[in-house]
Amino acid sequence: MIDEWQDLKARPAFRSTGHSKATRKEPFVTLIYRIPILGWLLREAAEGSGNIKALFLVNCALIWLLAIIAFGYPAIIIPALCAVPTIFVLLILITAGR
């Protein structure tokens, strides 16, 4: 019984992710990666191979398609309205020559 207890104390309480402490992420990134399903997808997209990044984009497109099926026209319009400020800033940066 004592040997089993010492064995449990020797094992880490969490599974190692392979990251050393020298390559620690920022706290915000770590917080995002801890979101159950979305965090896993984002971590794989950020740190995975090109194949995984392409599959992440396919998943995003399928999620958007499911939103269009479920909610209809607003699922098309709301992402477009959210993209307007981003495109506006990009146009200003292109015009400024940066």
Protein backbone atom coordinates (compact mmCIF):
# COMPACT_ATOMS: atom_id res chain seq x y z
CA MET A 1 0.00 0.00 0.00
CA ILE A 2 2.80 2.44 0.85
CA ASP A 3 4.61 1.59 -2.39
CA GLU A 4 1.47 2.37 -4.38
CA TRP A 5 1.12 5.72 -2.57
CA GLN A 6 4.72 6.65 -3.34
CA ASP A 7 4.19 5.61 -6.94
CA LEU A 8 1.16 7.91 -7.16
CA LYS A 9 3.13 10.79 -5.66
CA ALA A 10 5.92 10.26 -8.19
CA ARG A 11 3.56 10.53 -11.18
CA PRO A 12 2.47 13.99 -12.28
CA ALA A 13 -1.15 14.88 -11.58
CA PHE A 14 -1.67 16.06 -15.16
CA ARG A 15 -0.67 14.74 -18.52
CA SER A 16 2.35 16.42 -20.05
CA THR A 17 1.69 18.24 -23.32
CA GLY A 18 5.31 18.12 -24.40
CA HIS A 19 5.88 21.83 -23.90
CA SER A 20 8.84 22.79 -21.82
CA LYS A 21 8.67 25.69 -19.43
CA ALA A 22 11.01 27.65 -21.69
CA THR A 23 8.38 27.71 -24.44
CA ARG A 24 5.45 28.75 -22.26
CA LYS A 25 2.62 30.51 -24.01
CA GLU A 26 1.11 33.81 -23.02
CA PRO A 27 -1.66 33.55 -20.41
CA PHE A 28 -4.35 34.61 -22.91
CA VAL A 29 -3.30 31.94 -25.40
CA THR A 30 -3.27 29.33 -22.66
CA LEU A 31 -6.74 30.42 -21.59
CA ILE A 32 -8.03 30.11 -25.16
CA TYR A 33 -6.46 26.64 -25.53
CA ARG A 34 -8.30 25.45 -22.39
CA ILE A 35 -11.76 25.94 -23.95
CA PRO A 36 -12.96 22.34 -24.41
CA ILE A 37 -13.49 21.83 -28.18
CA LEU A 38 -12.54 25.19 -29.66
CA GLY A 39 -9.22 25.30 -27.83
CA TRP A 40 -8.18 21.95 -29.19
CA LEU A 41 -9.03 23.01 -32.73
CA LEU A 42 -7.19 26.32 -32.38
CA ARG A 43 -4.08 24.69 -30.88
CA GLU A 44 -3.92 22.18 -33.71
CA ALA A 45 -4.43 24.94 -36.30
CA ALA A 46 -1.69 27.11 -34.78
CA GLU A 47 0.89 24.42 -34.11
CA GLY A 48 -0.03 21.66 -36.57
CA SER A 49 1.05 20.84 -40.08
CA GLY A 50 -0.38 22.35 -43.25
CA ASN A 51 -2.82 19.48 -43.59
CA ILE A 52 -4.31 20.21 -40.18
CA LYS A 53 -4.60 23.92 -41.00
CA ALA A 54 -6.54 23.10 -44.16
CA LEU A 55 -8.88 20.83 -42.21
CA PHE A 56 -9.40 23.62 -39.67
CA LEU A 57 -10.57 25.91 -42.47
CA VAL A 58 -12.91 23.18 -43.73
CA ASN A 59 -14.33 22.84 -40.20
CA CYS A 60 -14.88 26.60 -40.00
CA ALA A 61 -16.70 26.57 -43.34
CA LEU A 62 -18.89 23.65 -42.22
CA ILE A 63 -19.73 25.37 -38.93
CA TRP A 64 -20.73 28.48 -40.89
CA LEU A 65 -22.86 26.34 -43.23
CA LEU A 66 -24.59 24.74 -40.24
CA ALA A 67 -25.24 28.20 -38.81
CA ILE A 68 -26.78 29.27 -42.13
CA ILE A 69 -29.00 26.18 -42.12
CA ALA A 70 -30.02 26.74 -38.49
CA PHE A 71 -30.42 30.55 -38.43
CA GLY A 72 -30.82 31.48 -42.09
CA TYR A 73 -30.05 34.90 -43.52
CA PRO A 74 -28.59 36.48 -40.31
CA ALA A 75 -25.82 33.85 -40.29
CA ILE A 76 -24.70 35.22 -43.65
CA ILE A 77 -25.06 38.93 -42.84
CA ILE A 78 -23.52 39.09 -39.34
CA PRO A 79 -20.06 37.72 -40.35
CA ALA A 80 -20.05 40.12 -43.31
CA LEU A 81 -20.84 43.07 -41.03
CA CYS A 82 -18.10 41.98 -38.62
CA ALA A 83 -15.60 41.83 -41.48
CA VAL A 84 -16.28 45.43 -42.58
CA PRO A 85 -13.98 47.11 -39.98
CA THR A 86 -11.20 44.64 -40.75
CA ILE A 87 -11.37 45.28 -44.48
CA PHE A 88 -11.60 49.01 -43.85
CA VAL A 89 -8.38 48.97 -41.80
CA LEU A 90 -6.66 46.82 -44.43
CA LEU A 91 -7.65 49.30 -47.16
CA ILE A 92 -6.25 52.19 -45.10
CA LEU A 93 -2.98 50.31 -44.53
CA ILE A 94 -2.68 49.49 -48.25
CA THR A 95 -3.38 53.10 -49.16
CA ALA A 96 -0.81 54.35 -46.62
CA GLY A 97 1.78 52.06 -48.22
CA ARG A 98 2.45 49.81 -45.23
